[in-house]
Amino acid sequence: MSNWTAEEMPNLEGKTALVTGANSGIGFEATKKLARKNAEVVMACRKKEKGLEAKEEIEAEIEGPDLRVMQVDLASLDSIHETAEKFKSEYEKLDLLFNNAGVMAIPRRETEDGFEYQIGVNHLGHYALTGLLLEKLENADDEARIISQSSIAHENGDINFEDINHEKSYDRMQAYSDSKLANILFAKELDRKLKEDDLDIKAIASHPGVSHTNLFNAEESQHNIIVTKLMGLGLKLFGQSPEKGCLPMLYAATSEEIEGGEFIGPDGFKAIRGSPERQIPSEKAQDEKLAERLWEKSGEMTGVEYNL
């Protein structure tokens, strides 16, 4: 076991990080830990008021954090483009991009652009945001890193290109698993392309194990109150806190031992909890042809093309 902690992160003074979903759960805890290490953190949140509340909470706990809130709705390509343009106009570079925000196992609905909501937010929104910010990642003083947050659930995922928006058939947990598989395929394909272009940027995937966050009690959930309470009890008994759940993505972002294209998760039983370590994702997550096809489909669906 590695027993790695956030205290082992290097001093991040002069580094700019952007964290999606920074106002709660894993994103909030990661933002705090990055701020403690002197990074400038852009808190990219769907609801700006929630982001401002989270910012104030961190400021009350940490002396002089360098935080900025930007509103971005990953379910809207217009919002993603607007936020990317705002960032590019105000920042010279981006050192660390955390594609962290997500939704889990919700009833079927569609994004503003007609995508099934889970694949739309969890994968396509981050695909678009990353592509639009790539030039700022290229401007990083040293090596830049892009961290895509996946899940243990990716192991049950599949990408059905004939029904990627789950219009013919919808199972909310399957759709979530598919989106989490997409996160790893995206990270691996992006890293391959970055290496081909000899860019000093690493793309890495991570997962938090089973962590007690608002993914499990989201407003959109169909779970009744009894099921929700039982899930909460199970998470407290077997899962881990967001403070621990954020460690794999922080390790992926800052450890000198990490290579591009790797997959980082907790080292405990069934990868449910523990300290961060390298892990091997499912066979489908390692399928280069599947990753290439998803890349092409993602570009087609979002209209965002990478300069790679």
C-alpha atoms as a PDB file:
ATOM      1  CA  MET A   1       0.000   0.000   0.000  1.00  0.00           C
ATOM      2  CA  SER A   2       1.307   3.454  -0.919  1.00  0.00           C
ATOM      3  CA  ASN A   3      -0.215   5.410   2.000  1.00  0.00           C
ATOM      4  CA  TRP A   4       0.179   8.542  -0.138  1.00  0.00           C
ATOM      5  CA  THR A   5      -1.419  11.679   1.283  1.00  0.00           C
ATOM      6  CA  ALA A   6      -2.112  15.142  -0.103  1.00  0.00           C
ATOM      7  CA  GLU A   7       0.631  16.520   2.127  1.00  0.00           C
ATOM      8  CA  GLU A   8       3.088  14.846  -0.261  1.00  0.00           C
ATOM      9  CA  MET A   9       2.018  17.066  -3.150  1.00  0.00           C
ATOM     10  CA  PRO A  10       4.714  19.553  -4.150  1.00  0.00           C
ATOM     11  CA  ASN A  11       4.331  23.282  -3.681  1.00  0.00           C
ATOM     12  CA  LEU A  12       2.022  24.382  -6.510  1.00  0.00           C
ATOM     13  CA  GLU A  13       2.739  28.100  -6.329  1.00  0.00           C
ATOM     14  CA  GLY A  14       2.530  29.580  -9.814  1.00  0.00           C
ATOM     15  CA  LYS A  15       0.338  26.721 -11.063  1.00  0.00           C
ATOM     16  CA  THR A  16      -3.198  27.278 -12.350  1.00  0.00           C
ATOM     17  CA  ALA A  17      -5.734  24.488 -11.922  1.00  0.00           C
ATOM     18  CA  LEU A  18      -9.311  24.225 -13.144  1.00  0.00           C
ATOM     19  CA  VAL A  19     -11.656  21.836 -11.325  1.00  0.00           C
ATOM     20  CA  THR A  20     -15.127  21.075 -12.659  1.00  0.00           C
ATOM     21  CA  GLY A  21     -17.696  20.343  -9.985  1.00  0.00           C
ATOM     22  CA  ALA A  22     -15.562  22.181  -7.434  1.00  0.00           C
ATOM     23  CA  ASN A  23     -18.403  23.262  -5.150  1.00  0.00           C
ATOM     24  CA  SER A  24     -19.124  19.883  -3.554  1.00  0.00           C
ATOM     25  CA  GLY A  25     -17.848  16.399  -2.776  1.00  0.00           C
ATOM     26  CA  ILE A  26     -14.579  15.279  -4.309  1.00  0.00           C
ATOM     27  CA  GLY A  27     -14.127  18.450  -6.353  1.00  0.00           C
ATOM     28  CA  PHE A  28     -14.534  20.622  -3.249  1.00  0.00           C
ATOM     29  CA  GLU A  29     -12.038  18.596  -1.236  1.00  0.00           C
ATOM     30  CA  ALA A  30      -9.543  18.567  -4.103  1.00  0.00           C
ATOM     31  CA  THR A  31      -9.872  22.342  -4.433  1.00  0.00           C
ATOM     32  CA  LYS A  32      -9.067  22.785  -0.736  1.00  0.00           C
ATOM     33  CA  LYS A  33      -5.988  20.583  -0.972  1.00  0.00           C
ATOM     34  CA  LEU A  34      -4.746  22.339  -4.112  1.00  0.00           C
ATOM     35  CA  ALA A  35      -5.267  25.716  -2.445  1.00  0.00           C
ATOM     36  CA  ARG A  36      -3.294  24.579   0.618  1.00  0.00           C
ATOM     37  CA  LYS A  37      -0.400  23.879  -1.750  1.00  0.00           C
ATOM     38  CA  ASN A  38      -0.665  27.433  -3.148  1.00  0.00           C
ATOM     39  CA  ALA A  39      -2.218  26.644  -6.527  1.00  0.00           C
ATOM     40  CA  GLU A  40      -4.525  29.174  -8.139  1.00  0.00           C
ATOM     41  CA  VAL A  41      -7.763  27.231  -8.557  1.00  0.00           C
ATOM     42  CA  VAL A  42     -10.583  28.065 -10.932  1.00  0.00           C
ATOM     43  CA  MET A  43     -13.720  26.507  -9.469  1.00  0.00           C
ATOM     44  CA  ALA A  44     -15.861  25.621 -12.502  1.00  0.00           C
ATOM     45  CA  CYS A  45     -19.409  25.063 -11.228  1.00  0.00           C
ATOM     46  CA  ARG A  46     -22.835  24.603 -12.809  1.00  0.00           C
ATOM     47  CA  LYS A  47     -24.413  27.051 -10.366  1.00  0.00           C
ATOM     48  CA  LYS A  48     -22.278  30.100  -9.687  1.00  0.00           C
ATOM     49  CA  GLU A  49     -23.957  30.825  -6.360  1.00  0.00           C
ATOM     50  CA  LYS A  50     -23.046  27.342  -5.107  1.00  0.00           C
ATOM     51  CA  GLY A  51     -19.487  27.928  -6.231  1.00  0.00           C
ATOM     52  CA  LEU A  52     -19.316  31.235  -4.373  1.00  0.00           C
ATOM     53  CA  GLU A  53     -20.633  29.590  -1.210  1.00  0.00           C
ATOM     54  CA  ALA A  54     -17.983  26.871  -1.489  1.00  0.00           C
ATOM     55  CA  LYS A  55     -15.303  29.499  -2.103  1.00  0.00           C
ATOM     56  CA  GLU A  56     -16.311  31.367   1.055  1.00  0.00           C
ATOM     57  CA  GLU A  57     -16.220  28.132   3.052  1.00  0.00           C
ATOM     58  CA  ILE A  58     -12.673  27.403   1.902  1.00  0.00           C
ATOM     59  CA  GLU A  59     -11.596  30.979   2.575  1.00  0.00           C
ATOM     60  CA  ALA A  60     -12.871  30.638   6.143  1.00  0.00           C
ATOM     61  CA  GLU A  61     -10.713  27.533   6.623  1.00  0.00           C
ATOM     62  CA  ILE A  62      -7.524  28.387   4.714  1.00  0.00           C
ATOM     63  CA  GLU A  63      -5.592  31.618   4.939  1.00  0.00           C
ATOM     64  CA  GLY A  64      -5.388  33.508   1.664  1.00  0.00           C
ATOM     65  CA  PRO A  65      -6.376  30.853  -0.910  1.00  0.00           C
ATOM     66  CA  ASP A  66      -6.194  31.912  -4.562  1.00  0.00           C
ATOM     67  CA  LEU A  67      -9.654  30.954  -5.793  1.00  0.00           C
ATOM     68  CA  ARG A  68     -11.864  32.053  -8.675  1.00  0.00           C
ATOM     69  CA  VAL A  69     -15.372  30.860  -9.513  1.00  0.00           C
ATOM     70  CA  MET A  70     -16.502  30.407 -13.111  1.00  0.00           C
ATOM     71  CA  GLN A  71     -19.931  29.179 -14.131  1.00  0.00           C
ATOM     72  CA  VAL A  72     -20.069  26.308 -16.623  1.00  0.00           C
ATOM     73  CA  ASP A  73     -22.924  23.998 -17.498  1.00  0.00           C
ATOM     74  CA  LEU A  74     -21.465  20.824 -18.964  1.00  0.00           C
ATOM     75  CA  ALA A  75     -24.909  19.994 -20.337  1.00  0.00           C
ATOM     76  CA  SER A  76     -24.665  22.978 -22.694  1.00  0.00           C
ATOM     77  CA  LEU A  77     -22.110  23.350 -25.477  1.00  0.00           C
ATOM     78  CA  ASP A  78     -22.883  27.078 -25.593  1.00  0.00           C
ATOM     79  CA  SER A  79     -21.993  27.401 -21.905  1.00  0.00           C
ATOM     80  CA  ILE A  80     -18.806  25.351 -22.382  1.00  0.00           C
ATOM     81  CA  HIS A  81     -17.697  27.545 -25.286  1.00  0.00           C
ATOM     82  CA  GLU A  82     -18.508  30.703 -23.309  1.00  0.00           C
ATOM     83  CA  THR A  83     -16.541  29.544 -20.265  1.00  0.00           C
ATOM     84  CA  ALA A  84     -13.578  28.427 -22.365  1.00  0.00           C
ATOM     85  CA  GLU A  85     -13.449  31.790 -24.125  1.00  0.00           C
ATOM     86  CA  LYS A  86     -13.637  33.600 -20.792  1.00  0.00           C
ATOM     87  CA  PHE A  87     -10.803  31.504 -19.376  1.00  0.00           C
ATOM     88  CA  LYS A  88      -8.659  31.994 -22.472  1.00  0.00           C
ATOM     89  CA  SER A  89      -9.157  35.764 -22.369  1.00  0.00           C
ATOM     90  CA  GLU A  90      -8.134  36.001 -18.711  1.00  0.00           C
ATOM     91  CA  TYR A  91      -5.423  33.362 -18.270  1.00  0.00           C
ATOM     92  CA  GLU A  92      -2.160  32.811 -20.085  1.00  0.00           C
ATOM     93  CA  LYS A  93      -1.876  29.134 -19.205  1.00  0.00           C
ATOM     94  CA  LEU A  94      -3.483  26.120 -17.560  1.00  0.00           C
ATOM     95  CA  ASP A  95      -1.329  23.611 -15.704  1.00  0.00           C
ATOM     96  CA  LEU A  96      -3.860  21.152 -14.277  1.00  0.00           C
ATOM     97  CA  LEU A  97      -7.311  20.351 -15.662  1.00  0.00           C
ATOM     98  CA  PHE A  98      -9.546  18.170 -13.503  1.00  0.00           C
ATOM     99  CA  ASN A  99     -12.516  16.778 -15.467  1.00  0.00           C
ATOM    100  CA  ASN A 100     -14.283  15.847 -12.250  1.00  0.00           C
ATOM    101  CA  ALA A 101     -17.952  16.868 -12.378  1.00  0.00           C
ATOM    102  CA  GLY A 102     -20.558  14.234 -13.113  1.00  0.00           C
ATOM    103  CA  VAL A 103     -24.034  12.854 -12.631  1.00  0.00           C
ATOM    104  CA  MET A 104     -24.935   9.308 -11.702  1.00  0.00           C
ATOM    105  CA  ALA A 105     -27.810   6.928 -12.470  1.00  0.00           C
ATOM    106  CA  ILE A 106     -30.483   9.543 -13.116  1.00  0.00           C
ATOM    107  CA  PRO A 107     -33.780   9.090 -14.975  1.00  0.00           C
ATOM    108  CA  ARG A 108     -33.347   9.619 -18.709  1.00  0.00           C
ATOM    109  CA  ARG A 109     -33.226  13.227 -19.789  1.00  0.00           C
ATOM    110  CA  GLU A 110     -31.336  15.133 -22.447  1.00  0.00           C
ATOM    111  CA  THR A 111     -28.823  17.949 -22.425  1.00  0.00           C
ATOM    112  CA  GLU A 112     -29.473  21.259 -24.122  1.00  0.00           C
ATOM    113  CA  ASP A 113     -27.913  19.780 -27.270  1.00  0.00           C
ATOM    114  CA  GLY A 114     -29.976  16.564 -27.277  1.00  0.00           C
ATOM    115  CA  PHE A 115     -27.410  14.199 -25.751  1.00  0.00           C
ATOM    116  CA  GLU A 116     -28.409  11.626 -23.148  1.00  0.00           C
ATOM    117  CA  TYR A 117     -27.564  13.505 -19.974  1.00  0.00           C
ATOM    118  CA  GLN A 118     -24.985  11.157 -18.413  1.00  0.00           C
ATOM    119  CA  ILE A 119     -22.846  10.648 -21.521  1.00  0.00           C
ATOM    120  CA  GLY A 120     -23.420  14.332 -22.292  1.00  0.00           C
ATOM    121  CA  VAL A 121     -22.183  15.711 -18.978  1.00  0.00           C
ATOM    122  CA  ASN A 122     -19.725  13.044 -17.857  1.00  0.00           C
ATOM    123  CA  HIS A 123     -17.955  12.583 -21.183  1.00  0.00           C
ATOM    124  CA  LEU A 124     -18.978  14.865 -24.050  1.00  0.00           C
ATOM    125  CA  GLY A 125     -18.985  18.039 -21.968  1.00  0.00           C
ATOM    126  CA  HIS A 126     -15.484  17.343 -20.713  1.00  0.00           C
ATOM    127  CA  TYR A 127     -14.298  16.290 -24.178  1.00  0.00           C
ATOM    128  CA  ALA A 128     -15.439  19.678 -25.483  1.00  0.00           C
ATOM    129  CA  LEU A 129     -14.028  21.696 -22.572  1.00  0.00           C
ATOM    130  CA  THR A 130     -10.626  19.985 -22.792  1.00  0.00           C
ATOM    131  CA  GLY A 131     -10.368  20.558 -26.528  1.00  0.00           C
ATOM    132  CA  LEU A 132     -11.241  24.225 -26.192  1.00  0.00           C
ATOM    133  CA  LEU A 133      -8.656  24.732 -23.420  1.00  0.00           C
ATOM    134  CA  LEU A 134      -5.876  22.696 -25.032  1.00  0.00           C
ATOM    135  CA  GLU A 135      -3.953  25.741 -26.225  1.00  0.00           C
ATOM    136  CA  LYS A 136      -3.723  27.007 -22.636  1.00  0.00           C
ATOM    137  CA  LEU A 137      -2.483  23.608 -21.459  1.00  0.00           C
ATOM    138  CA  GLU A 138       0.215  23.820 -24.134  1.00  0.00           C
ATOM    139  CA  ASN A 139       1.300  27.137 -22.582  1.00  0.00           C
ATOM    140  CA  ALA A 140       2.019  25.587 -19.171  1.00  0.00           C
ATOM    141  CA  ASP A 141       5.482  26.475 -17.832  1.00  0.00           C
ATOM    142  CA  ASP A 142       6.279  22.825 -17.190  1.00  0.00           C
ATOM    143  CA  GLU A 143       4.383  19.616 -17.873  1.00  0.00           C
ATOM    144  CA  ALA A 144       0.583  20.024 -17.868  1.00  0.00           C
ATOM    145  CA  ARG A 145      -1.819  17.268 -16.848  1.00  0.00           C
ATOM    146  CA  ILE A 146      -5.436  16.454 -17.663  1.00  0.00           C
ATOM    147  CA  ILE A 147      -7.215  14.204 -15.166  1.00  0.00           C
ATOM    148  CA  SER A 148     -10.488  12.517 -16.145  1.00  0.00           C
ATOM    149  CA  GLN A 149     -12.592  11.145 -13.297  1.00  0.00           C
ATOM    150  CA  SER A 150     -13.955   7.662 -13.982  1.00  0.00           C
ATOM    151  CA  SER A 151     -15.490   5.009 -11.693  1.00  0.00           C
ATOM    152  CA  ILE A 152     -15.339   1.343 -10.740  1.00  0.00           C
ATOM    153  CA  ALA A 153     -18.616   1.166 -12.680  1.00  0.00           C
ATOM    154  CA  HIS A 154     -16.671   1.484 -15.945  1.00  0.00           C
ATOM    155  CA  GLU A 155     -16.131  -2.282 -15.744  1.00  0.00           C
ATOM    156  CA  ASN A 156     -19.779  -2.809 -16.720  1.00  0.00           C
ATOM    157  CA  GLY A 157     -19.686  -0.165 -19.418  1.00  0.00           C
ATOM    158  CA  ASP A 158     -20.086  -0.535 -23.160  1.00  0.00           C
ATOM    159  CA  ILE A 159     -20.288   1.972 -26.004  1.00  0.00           C
ATOM    160  CA  ASN A 160     -23.213   1.275 -28.316  1.00  0.00           C
ATOM    161  CA  PHE A 161     -22.567   3.594 -31.247  1.00  0.00           C
ATOM    162  CA  GLU A 162     -25.929   2.665 -32.748  1.00  0.00           C
ATOM    163  CA  ASP A 163     -27.694   4.050 -29.665  1.00  0.00           C
ATOM    164  CA  ILE A 164     -25.128   6.206 -27.869  1.00  0.00           C
ATOM    165  CA  ASN A 165     -27.888   8.469 -26.535  1.00  0.00           C
ATOM    166  CA  HIS A 166     -29.895   5.498 -25.210  1.00  0.00           C
ATOM    167  CA  GLU A 167     -33.009   6.492 -27.147  1.00  0.00           C
ATOM    168  CA  LYS A 168     -34.037   2.913 -27.950  1.00  0.00           C
ATOM    169  CA  SER A 169     -33.359   1.477 -24.519  1.00  0.00           C
ATOM    170  CA  TYR A 170     -32.419   3.163 -21.243  1.00  0.00           C
ATOM    171  CA  ASP A 171     -31.081   1.697 -18.049  1.00  0.00           C
ATOM    172  CA  ARG A 172     -29.796   4.490 -15.839  1.00  0.00           C
ATOM    173  CA  MET A 173     -26.953   2.498 -14.246  1.00  0.00           C
ATOM    174  CA  GLN A 174     -25.853   1.116 -17.609  1.00  0.00           C
ATOM    175  CA  ALA A 175     -25.810   4.624 -19.045  1.00  0.00           C
ATOM    176  CA  TYR A 176     -23.661   5.761 -16.113  1.00  0.00           C
ATOM    177  CA  SER A 177     -21.263   2.839 -16.562  1.00  0.00           C
ATOM    178  CA  ASP A 178     -21.004   3.608 -20.278  1.00  0.00           C
ATOM    179  CA  SER A 179     -20.110   7.230 -19.544  1.00  0.00           C
ATOM    180  CA  LYS A 180     -17.430   6.172 -17.060  1.00  0.00           C
ATOM    181  CA  LEU A 181     -15.932   3.777 -19.614  1.00  0.00           C
ATOM    182  CA  ALA A 182     -15.906   6.712 -22.022  1.00  0.00           C
ATOM    183  CA  ASN A 183     -13.870   8.753 -19.521  1.00  0.00           C
ATOM    184  CA  ILE A 184     -11.027   6.222 -19.558  1.00  0.00           C
ATOM    185  CA  LEU A 185     -11.147   5.683 -23.322  1.00  0.00           C
ATOM    186  CA  PHE A 186     -10.986   9.456 -23.772  1.00  0.00           C
ATOM    187  CA  ALA A 187      -8.011   9.850 -21.416  1.00  0.00           C
ATOM    188  CA  LYS A 188      -6.065   7.058 -23.086  1.00  0.00           C
ATOM    189  CA  GLU A 189      -6.757   8.215 -26.641  1.00  0.00           C
ATOM    190  CA  LEU A 190      -5.956  11.811 -25.736  1.00  0.00           C
ATOM    191  CA  ASP A 191      -2.666  10.762 -24.196  1.00  0.00           C
ATOM    192  CA  ARG A 192      -1.751   8.772 -27.311  1.00  0.00           C
ATOM    193  CA  LYS A 193      -2.396  11.830 -29.472  1.00  0.00           C
ATOM    194  CA  LEU A 194      -0.452  14.134 -27.148  1.00  0.00           C
ATOM    195  CA  LYS A 195       2.530  11.787 -27.318  1.00  0.00           C
ATOM    196  CA  GLU A 196       2.314  11.605 -31.117  1.00  0.00           C
ATOM    197  CA  ASP A 197       2.531  15.417 -31.225  1.00  0.00           C
ATOM    198  CA  ASP A 198       5.371  15.370 -28.680  1.00  0.00           C
ATOM    199  CA  LEU A 199       3.502  17.743 -26.378  1.00  0.00           C
ATOM    200  CA  ASP A 200       4.507  18.079 -22.743  1.00  0.00           C
ATOM    201  CA  ILE A 201       1.023  17.187 -21.483  1.00  0.00           C
ATOM    202  CA  LYS A 202      -0.141  13.974 -19.822  1.00  0.00           C
ATOM    203  CA  ALA A 203      -3.720  12.686 -19.852  1.00  0.00           C
ATOM    204  CA  ILE A 204      -4.562  10.345 -16.990  1.00  0.00           C
ATOM    205  CA  ALA A 205      -7.737   8.674 -15.699  1.00  0.00           C
ATOM    206  CA  SER A 206      -8.599   8.163 -12.048  1.00  0.00           C
ATOM    207  CA  HIS A 207     -11.447   6.949  -9.874  1.00  0.00           C
ATOM    208  CA  PRO A 208     -12.341   7.620  -6.227  1.00  0.00           C
ATOM    209  CA  GLY A 209     -13.437   4.137  -5.232  1.00  0.00           C
ATOM    210  CA  VAL A 210     -16.757   4.282  -3.425  1.00  0.00           C
ATOM    211  CA  SER A 211     -16.975   7.732  -1.905  1.00  0.00           C
ATOM    212  CA  HIS A 212     -19.886   9.317  -0.062  1.00  0.00           C
ATOM    213  CA  THR A 213     -20.708  12.312  -2.262  1.00  0.00           C
ATOM    214  CA  ASN A 214     -23.855  13.989  -3.501  1.00  0.00           C
ATOM    215  CA  LEU A 215     -23.817  11.672  -6.534  1.00  0.00           C
ATOM    216  CA  PHE A 216     -25.658   9.250  -4.267  1.00  0.00           C
ATOM    217  CA  ASN A 217     -28.372  11.648  -3.148  1.00  0.00           C
ATOM    218  CA  ALA A 218     -28.803  13.866  -6.170  1.00  0.00           C
ATOM    219  CA  GLU A 219     -32.130  15.594  -6.702  1.00  0.00           C
ATOM    220  CA  GLU A 220     -32.616  13.672  -9.930  1.00  0.00           C
ATOM    221  CA  SER A 221     -32.339  10.280  -8.233  1.00  0.00           C
ATOM    222  CA  GLN A 222     -35.380   8.026  -8.226  1.00  0.00           C
ATOM    223  CA  HIS A 223     -34.387   6.370  -4.955  1.00  0.00           C
ATOM    224  CA  ASN A 224     -36.960   6.748  -2.218  1.00  0.00           C
ATOM    225  CA  ILE A 225     -35.949   8.007   1.217  1.00  0.00           C
ATOM    226  CA  ILE A 226     -35.543   4.500   2.689  1.00  0.00           C
ATOM    227  CA  VAL A 227     -33.251   3.353  -0.123  1.00  0.00           C
ATOM    228  CA  THR A 228     -31.273   6.593   0.116  1.00  0.00           C
ATOM    229  CA  LYS A 229     -30.738   6.136   3.862  1.00  0.00           C
ATOM    230  CA  LEU A 230     -29.661   2.522   3.369  1.00  0.00           C
ATOM    231  CA  MET A 231     -27.213   3.572   0.673  1.00  0.00           C
ATOM    232  CA  GLY A 232     -25.855   6.269   2.962  1.00  0.00           C
ATOM    233  CA  LEU A 233     -25.335   3.751   5.766  1.00  0.00           C
ATOM    234  CA  GLY A 234     -23.567   1.339   3.398  1.00  0.00           C
ATOM    235  CA  LEU A 235     -21.286   4.096   2.150  1.00  0.00           C
ATOM    236  CA  LYS A 236     -20.310   5.071   5.673  1.00  0.00           C
ATOM    237  CA  LEU A 237     -19.538   1.454   6.532  1.00  0.00           C
ATOM    238  CA  PHE A 238     -17.695   0.398   3.373  1.00  0.00           C
ATOM    239  CA  GLY A 239     -16.873   3.514   1.405  1.00  0.00           C
ATOM    240  CA  GLN A 240     -14.607   6.448   2.105  1.00  0.00           C
ATOM    241  CA  SER A 241     -14.968  10.167   2.595  1.00  0.00           C
ATOM    242  CA  PRO A 242     -14.574  12.732  -0.178  1.00  0.00           C
ATOM    243  CA  GLU A 243     -11.351  13.787   1.586  1.00  0.00           C
ATOM    244  CA  LYS A 244      -9.949  10.348   0.741  1.00  0.00           C
ATOM    245  CA  GLY A 245     -11.849   9.991  -2.519  1.00  0.00           C
ATOM    246  CA  CYS A 246     -10.085  12.982  -4.048  1.00  0.00           C
ATOM    247  CA  LEU A 247      -6.609  11.545  -3.468  1.00  0.00           C
ATOM    248  CA  PRO A 248      -6.354   9.403  -6.634  1.00  0.00           C
ATOM    249  CA  MET A 249      -6.924  12.373  -8.910  1.00  0.00           C
ATOM    250  CA  LEU A 250      -4.518  14.560  -6.911  1.00  0.00           C
ATOM    251  CA  TYR A 251      -1.898  11.797  -7.021  1.00  0.00           C
ATOM    252  CA  ALA A 252      -2.456  11.492 -10.776  1.00  0.00           C
ATOM    253  CA  ALA A 253      -2.024  15.238 -11.151  1.00  0.00           C
ATOM    254  CA  THR A 254       1.114  15.734  -9.077  1.00  0.00           C
ATOM    255  CA  SER A 255       3.148  12.556  -8.578  1.00  0.00           C
ATOM    256  CA  GLU A 256       6.416  12.399 -10.505  1.00  0.00           C
ATOM    257  CA  GLU A 257       5.939   8.630 -10.797  1.00  0.00           C
ATOM    258  CA  ILE A 258       2.831   8.873 -12.992  1.00  0.00           C
ATOM    259  CA  GLU A 259       2.966   8.301 -16.744  1.00  0.00           C
ATOM    260  CA  GLY A 260       0.404   9.490 -19.239  1.00  0.00           C
ATOM    261  CA  GLY A 261      -2.413   7.086 -20.043  1.00  0.00           C
ATOM    262  CA  GLU A 262      -2.388   5.454 -16.616  1.00  0.00           C
ATOM    263  CA  PHE A 263      -5.383   4.692 -14.398  1.00  0.00           C
ATOM    264  CA  ILE A 264      -5.247   5.568 -10.695  1.00  0.00           C
ATOM    265  CA  GLY A 265      -7.557   4.356  -7.921  1.00  0.00           C
ATOM    266  CA  PRO A 266      -7.674   3.274  -4.258  1.00  0.00           C
ATOM    267  CA  ASP A 267      -5.525   0.293  -3.300  1.00  0.00           C
ATOM    268  CA  GLY A 268      -7.958  -1.410  -0.892  1.00  0.00           C
ATOM    269  CA  PHE A 269     -10.289  -4.401  -1.341  1.00  0.00           C
ATOM    270  CA  LYS A 270     -12.031  -4.264  -4.731  1.00  0.00           C
ATOM    271  CA  ALA A 271     -10.587  -0.735  -5.112  1.00  0.00           C
ATOM    272  CA  ILE A 272     -13.415   0.554  -2.898  1.00  0.00           C
ATOM    273  CA  ARG A 273     -11.211   2.570  -0.563  1.00  0.00           C
ATOM    274  CA  GLY A 274      -7.595   3.149   0.319  1.00  0.00           C
ATOM    275  CA  SER A 275      -4.542   5.070  -0.848  1.00  0.00           C
ATOM    276  CA  PRO A 276      -3.935   5.836  -4.533  1.00  0.00           C
ATOM    277  CA  GLU A 277      -2.084   3.405  -6.769  1.00  0.00           C
ATOM    278  CA  ARG A 278      -1.780   2.433 -10.435  1.00  0.00           C
ATOM    279  CA  GLN A 279      -4.532   0.061 -11.571  1.00  0.00           C
ATOM    280  CA  ILE A 280      -5.509  -1.816 -14.703  1.00  0.00           C
ATOM    281  CA  PRO A 281      -8.929  -0.908 -16.123  1.00  0.00           C
ATOM    282  CA  SER A 282     -11.256  -3.290 -17.964  1.00  0.00           C
ATOM    283  CA  GLU A 283     -10.323  -4.842 -21.306  1.00  0.00           C
ATOM    284  CA  LYS A 284     -12.761  -2.547 -23.105  1.00  0.00           C
ATOM    285  CA  ALA A 285     -11.119   0.477 -21.493  1.00  0.00           C
ATOM    286  CA  GLN A 286      -7.836  -0.651 -23.078  1.00  0.00           C
ATOM    287  CA  ASP A 287      -9.316  -1.180 -26.557  1.00  0.00           C
ATOM    288  CA  GLU A 288      -7.502   1.309 -28.775  1.00  0.00           C
ATOM    289  CA  LYS A 289      -9.861   0.852 -31.723  1.00  0.00           C
ATOM    290  CA  LEU A 290     -12.862   1.516 -29.468  1.00  0.00           C
ATOM    291  CA  ALA A 291     -11.135   4.601 -28.064  1.00  0.00           C
ATOM    292  CA  GLU A 292     -10.361   5.925 -31.547  1.00  0.00           C
ATOM    293  CA  ARG A 293     -13.942   5.397 -32.689  1.00  0.00           C
ATOM    294  CA  LEU A 294     -15.297   7.159 -29.584  1.00  0.00           C
ATOM    295  CA  TRP A 295     -12.914  10.046 -30.203  1.00  0.00           C
ATOM    296  CA  GLU A 296     -14.210  10.482 -33.733  1.00  0.00           C
ATOM    297  CA  LYS A 297     -17.835  10.202 -32.586  1.00  0.00           C
ATOM    298  CA  SER A 298     -17.267  12.732 -29.804  1.00  0.00           C
ATOM    299  CA  GLY A 299     -15.827  15.240 -32.254  1.00  0.00           C
ATOM    300  CA  GLU A 300     -18.759  14.677 -34.579  1.00  0.00           C
ATOM    301  CA  MET A 301     -21.330  15.123 -31.798  1.00  0.00           C
ATOM    302  CA  THR A 302     -19.790  18.178 -30.139  1.00  0.00           C
ATOM    303  CA  GLY A 303     -18.311  19.896 -33.176  1.00  0.00           C
ATOM    304  CA  VAL A 304     -15.055  20.363 -31.223  1.00  0.00           C
ATOM    305  CA  GLU A 305     -11.919  19.369 -33.087  1.00  0.00           C
ATOM    306  CA  TYR A 306      -8.539  19.098 -31.390  1.00  0.00           C
ATOM    307  CA  ASN A 307      -5.452  20.618 -32.955  1.00  0.00           C
ATOM    308  CA  LEU A 308      -3.610  17.300 -32.685  1.00  0.00           C
END
